[in-house]
Amino acid sequence: IIEWLIYMIGYALVLIIVSALFKSFWINTSHFGIYALLASIIIYILNQTIKPIINYMTLPLTIISWGLMYPISNVIVLYLTSFLLGKENFYIGGFFAAFIIAIIISFLNILMEGFVIKPIIKKGKNNG
């Protein structure tokens, strides 16, 4: 469970960074980033439950579009997260902005996992 919490905190930081970079993406950080942490947990749950169904349903379009449809599932997950947390806590403006933001979040999550999260977990396992 500690590893999972480290992942969620790392992904919450990614969401905060992206919200600082884009005016069309906003997360309420007034309560020490709790909404970013909640958003990362919601996104995690949606990625484990809803996203595989979306990817399966859009598979023919993804094949025809040479993979361009795949980030659309990430956009849907972001919009569902916005709906669940409320627009006053998690806001995405515009579809094109959401598309670009979803790609950037995915890229930053890969960097965060590779350069921050996995080394922290590895260091913890070596010390413990």
Protein backbone atom coordinates (compact mmCIF):
# COMPACT_ATOMS: atom_id res chain seq x y z
CA ILE A 1 0.00 0.00 0.00
CA ILE A 2 2.96 2.34 0.57
CA GLU A 3 4.04 1.91 -3.05
CA TRP A 4 0.52 2.71 -4.23
CA LEU A 5 0.47 5.88 -2.09
CA ILE A 6 3.82 6.94 -3.53
CA TYR A 7 2.40 6.50 -7.03
CA MET A 8 -0.73 8.51 -6.16
CA ILE A 9 1.30 11.36 -4.65
CA GLY A 10 3.58 11.38 -7.70
CA TYR A 11 0.64 11.49 -10.08
CA ALA A 12 -0.99 14.23 -7.97
CA LEU A 13 2.19 16.27 -8.40
CA VAL A 14 1.99 15.74 -12.15
CA LEU A 15 -1.59 17.04 -12.15
CA ILE A 16 -0.55 20.11 -10.13
CA ILE A 17 2.35 20.80 -12.52
CA VAL A 18 0.12 20.53 -15.59
CA SER A 19 -2.53 22.74 -13.99
CA ALA A 20 0.17 25.37 -13.38
CA LEU A 21 1.23 25.22 -17.04
CA PHE A 22 -2.21 25.47 -18.69
CA LYS A 23 -5.01 27.96 -18.10
CA SER A 24 -7.56 25.53 -19.53
CA PHE A 25 -6.77 22.91 -16.85
CA TRP A 26 -7.29 23.75 -13.20
CA ILE A 27 -7.12 21.85 -9.93
CA ASN A 28 -8.13 23.33 -6.58
CA THR A 29 -4.91 23.30 -4.52
CA SER A 30 -6.28 25.31 -1.60
CA HIS A 31 -6.36 22.34 0.81
CA PHE A 32 -2.72 21.24 0.50
CA GLY A 33 -3.37 19.51 -2.82
CA ILE A 34 -6.01 17.12 -1.49
CA TYR A 35 -8.07 17.53 -4.67
CA ALA A 36 -5.05 16.63 -6.78
CA LEU A 37 -4.59 13.50 -4.67
CA LEU A 38 -8.30 12.68 -4.96
CA ALA A 39 -8.12 13.27 -8.71
CA SER A 40 -5.15 10.93 -9.05
CA ILE A 41 -7.02 8.24 -7.08
CA ILE A 42 -10.16 8.71 -9.18
CA ILE A 43 -8.12 8.59 -12.40
CA TYR A 44 -6.41 5.42 -11.14
CA ILE A 45 -9.77 3.77 -10.41
CA LEU A 46 -11.24 4.86 -13.76
CA ASN A 47 -8.11 3.62 -15.58
CA GLN A 48 -8.54 0.22 -13.94
CA THR A 49 -12.30 -0.08 -14.52
CA ILE A 50 -13.76 2.15 -17.24
CA LYS A 51 -10.78 2.77 -19.52
CA PRO A 52 -10.36 -0.87 -20.64
CA ILE A 53 -14.02 -0.90 -21.68
CA ILE A 54 -13.60 2.39 -23.57
CA ASN A 55 -10.46 1.10 -25.28
CA TYR A 56 -12.22 -2.11 -26.28
CA MET A 57 -15.22 -0.24 -27.68
CA THR A 58 -13.04 2.20 -29.64
CA LEU A 59 -10.54 -0.40 -30.88
CA PRO A 60 -11.74 -0.33 -34.52
CA LEU A 61 -11.50 3.48 -34.58
CA THR A 62 -8.08 3.33 -32.95
CA ILE A 63 -6.85 0.93 -35.64
CA ILE A 64 -8.34 3.00 -38.46
CA SER A 65 -6.90 6.25 -37.05
CA TRP A 66 -3.44 4.69 -36.50
CA GLY A 67 -3.68 5.14 -32.74
CA LEU A 68 -4.97 8.70 -32.65
CA MET A 69 -8.15 7.53 -30.95
CA TYR A 70 -6.26 6.11 -27.95
CA PRO A 71 -5.72 9.50 -26.19
CA ILE A 72 -9.47 10.08 -26.49
CA SER A 73 -9.97 7.46 -23.76
CA ASN A 74 -7.66 9.53 -21.54
CA VAL A 75 -9.74 12.63 -22.32
CA ILE A 76 -12.90 10.76 -21.34
CA VAL A 77 -11.26 9.73 -18.05
CA LEU A 78 -10.27 13.36 -17.37
CA TYR A 79 -13.82 14.57 -18.08
CA LEU A 80 -15.27 11.86 -15.81
CA THR A 81 -12.85 12.96 -13.07
CA SER A 82 -13.98 16.56 -13.56
CA PHE A 83 -17.59 15.44 -13.26
CA LEU A 84 -16.92 13.44 -10.08
CA LEU A 85 -14.85 16.12 -8.32
CA GLY A 86 -16.89 19.06 -9.60
CA LYS A 87 -15.75 21.86 -11.87
CA GLU A 88 -14.86 24.03 -8.88
CA ASN A 89 -12.14 21.50 -7.92
CA PHE A 90 -11.06 19.96 -11.25
CA TYR A 91 -11.72 21.84 -14.49
CA ILE A 92 -10.84 21.12 -18.11
CA GLY A 93 -11.81 23.65 -20.76
CA GLY A 94 -12.28 22.59 -24.36
CA PHE A 95 -11.83 19.27 -26.10
CA PHE A 96 -8.63 20.13 -27.99
CA ALA A 97 -7.00 21.43 -24.81
CA ALA A 98 -8.09 18.28 -22.97
CA PHE A 99 -6.59 16.15 -25.77
CA ILE A 100 -3.21 17.91 -25.53
CA ILE A 101 -3.31 17.92 -21.71
CA ALA A 102 -4.09 14.18 -21.63
CA ILE A 103 -1.03 13.49 -23.80
CA ILE A 104 1.18 15.71 -21.62
CA ILE A 105 -0.11 14.11 -18.40
CA SER A 106 0.64 10.65 -19.83
CA PHE A 107 4.16 11.74 -20.81
CA LEU A 108 4.87 13.36 -17.43
CA ASN A 109 3.51 10.28 -15.62
CA ILE A 110 6.01 8.14 -17.52
CA LEU A 111 8.84 10.51 -16.54
CA MET A 112 7.64 10.71 -12.92
CA GLU A 113 7.44 6.94 -12.66
CA GLY A 114 10.83 6.31 -14.24
CA PHE A 115 12.89 9.04 -12.62
CA VAL A 116 11.20 9.62 -9.26
CA ILE A 117 8.74 6.96 -8.11
CA LYS A 118 10.63 3.77 -9.03
CA PRO A 119 13.96 5.05 -7.59
CA ILE A 120 12.20 5.98 -4.32
CA ILE A 121 10.57 2.54 -4.10
CA LYS A 122 13.85 0.82 -5.00
CA LYS A 123 15.74 2.84 -2.40
CA GLY A 124 13.10 1.99 0.22
CA LYS A 125 13.37 -1.72 -0.57
CA ASN A 126 17.17 -1.64 -0.40
CA ASN A 127 17.12 0.15 2.99
CA GLY A 128 14.29 -1.89 4.47
